[in-house]
Amino acid sequence: MNVSIDPNLCYGSGECAHRAPSVFEFVDDYGVVRPGREDSGGDPRVREAAEKCPSQAIALTE
């Protein structure tokens, strides 16, 4: 399962990086998926980050 962040929705709350720092980081005050970690959508911490994202910017896709 792939994970991505929509930069048009993200407003930089930090929830993703707090919940799954090995997958998410901040660049210019916005959340991004770390390079090479795009296939981490199956990780329970990533699923939790997607559910808890206040801007609903995180997408999990098959």
C-alpha atoms as a PDB file:
ATOM      1  CA  MET A   1       0.000   0.000   0.000  1.00  0.00           C
ATOM      2  CA  ASN A   2       1.373   3.394  -0.993  1.00  0.00           C
ATOM      3  CA  VAL A   3       1.291   6.560   1.081  1.00  0.00           C
ATOM      4  CA  SER A   4       1.320  10.139  -0.164  1.00  0.00           C
ATOM      5  CA  ILE A   5       0.619  13.629   1.134  1.00  0.00           C
ATOM      6  CA  ASP A   6      -1.380  16.158  -0.845  1.00  0.00           C
ATOM      7  CA  PRO A   7       0.637  19.398  -0.558  1.00  0.00           C
ATOM      8  CA  ASN A   8      -2.496  21.429  -1.327  1.00  0.00           C
ATOM      9  CA  LEU A   9      -4.227  20.074   1.797  1.00  0.00           C
ATOM     10  CA  CYS A  10      -1.314  19.852   4.266  1.00  0.00           C
ATOM     11  CA  TYR A  11      -0.977  22.815   6.601  1.00  0.00           C
ATOM     12  CA  GLY A  12       1.930  21.476   8.662  1.00  0.00           C
ATOM     13  CA  SER A  13       0.315  20.282  11.902  1.00  0.00           C
ATOM     14  CA  GLY A  14       3.124  17.785  12.503  1.00  0.00           C
ATOM     15  CA  GLU A  15       0.871  14.839  13.363  1.00  0.00           C
ATOM     16  CA  CYS A  16       2.345  12.610  10.651  1.00  0.00           C
ATOM     17  CA  ALA A  17       5.969  13.165  11.648  1.00  0.00           C
ATOM     18  CA  HIS A  18       5.065  12.729  15.312  1.00  0.00           C
ATOM     19  CA  ARG A  19       3.261   9.410  14.735  1.00  0.00           C
ATOM     20  CA  ALA A  20       5.565   7.880  12.089  1.00  0.00           C
ATOM     21  CA  PRO A  21       8.906   9.741  11.963  1.00  0.00           C
ATOM     22  CA  SER A  22      10.572   6.983   9.950  1.00  0.00           C
ATOM     23  CA  VAL A  23       8.111   7.613   7.093  1.00  0.00           C
ATOM     24  CA  PHE A  24       7.237  11.322   7.320  1.00  0.00           C
ATOM     25  CA  GLU A  25       9.360  14.449   7.637  1.00  0.00           C
ATOM     26  CA  PHE A  26       8.956  18.199   7.253  1.00  0.00           C
ATOM     27  CA  VAL A  27      10.259  20.225   4.331  1.00  0.00           C
ATOM     28  CA  ASP A  28       9.540  23.952   4.294  1.00  0.00           C
ATOM     29  CA  ASP A  29       7.104  23.455   7.228  1.00  0.00           C
ATOM     30  CA  TYR A  30       4.949  20.892   5.402  1.00  0.00           C
ATOM     31  CA  GLY A  31       4.745  17.137   5.772  1.00  0.00           C
ATOM     32  CA  VAL A  32       6.254  14.922   3.085  1.00  0.00           C
ATOM     33  CA  VAL A  33       6.869  11.210   2.697  1.00  0.00           C
ATOM     34  CA  ARG A  34      10.542  10.391   3.126  1.00  0.00           C
ATOM     35  CA  PRO A  35      12.181   9.272  -0.136  1.00  0.00           C
ATOM     36  CA  GLY A  36      12.039   5.494  -0.499  1.00  0.00           C
ATOM     37  CA  ARG A  37       9.229   5.148   2.056  1.00  0.00           C
ATOM     38  CA  GLU A  38       6.298   5.594  -0.350  1.00  0.00           C
ATOM     39  CA  ASP A  39       5.344   1.915   0.042  1.00  0.00           C
ATOM     40  CA  SER A  40       4.887   2.134   3.833  1.00  0.00           C
ATOM     41  CA  GLY A  41       1.093   2.436   3.792  1.00  0.00           C
ATOM     42  CA  GLY A  42       0.705  -0.948   5.463  1.00  0.00           C
ATOM     43  CA  ASP A  43       2.503   0.218   8.615  1.00  0.00           C
ATOM     44  CA  PRO A  44      -0.029   0.643  11.468  1.00  0.00           C
ATOM     45  CA  ARG A  45       1.642   3.921  12.497  1.00  0.00           C
ATOM     46  CA  VAL A  46       1.168   5.296   8.984  1.00  0.00           C
ATOM     47  CA  ARG A  47      -2.492   4.258   8.959  1.00  0.00           C
ATOM     48  CA  GLU A  48      -2.944   5.983  12.323  1.00  0.00           C
ATOM     49  CA  ALA A  49      -1.238   9.122  11.004  1.00  0.00           C
ATOM     50  CA  ALA A  50      -3.614   9.142   8.021  1.00  0.00           C
ATOM     51  CA  GLU A  51      -6.644   8.744  10.286  1.00  0.00           C
ATOM     52  CA  LYS A  52      -5.485  11.478  12.687  1.00  0.00           C
ATOM     53  CA  CYS A  53      -4.290  14.003  10.084  1.00  0.00           C
ATOM     54  CA  PRO A  54      -6.355  17.127  10.845  1.00  0.00           C
ATOM     55  CA  SER A  55      -6.266  18.289   7.218  1.00  0.00           C
ATOM     56  CA  GLN A  56      -6.868  14.775   5.786  1.00  0.00           C
ATOM     57  CA  ALA A  57      -3.853  15.306   3.511  1.00  0.00           C
ATOM     58  CA  ILE A  58      -2.500  11.741   3.772  1.00  0.00           C
ATOM     59  CA  ALA A  59      -3.693   9.217   1.181  1.00  0.00           C
ATOM     60  CA  LEU A  60      -3.249   5.451   1.309  1.00  0.00           C
ATOM     61  CA  THR A  61      -3.673   3.700  -2.030  1.00  0.00           C
ATOM     62  CA  GLU A  62      -3.308   0.166  -3.368  1.00  0.00           C
END
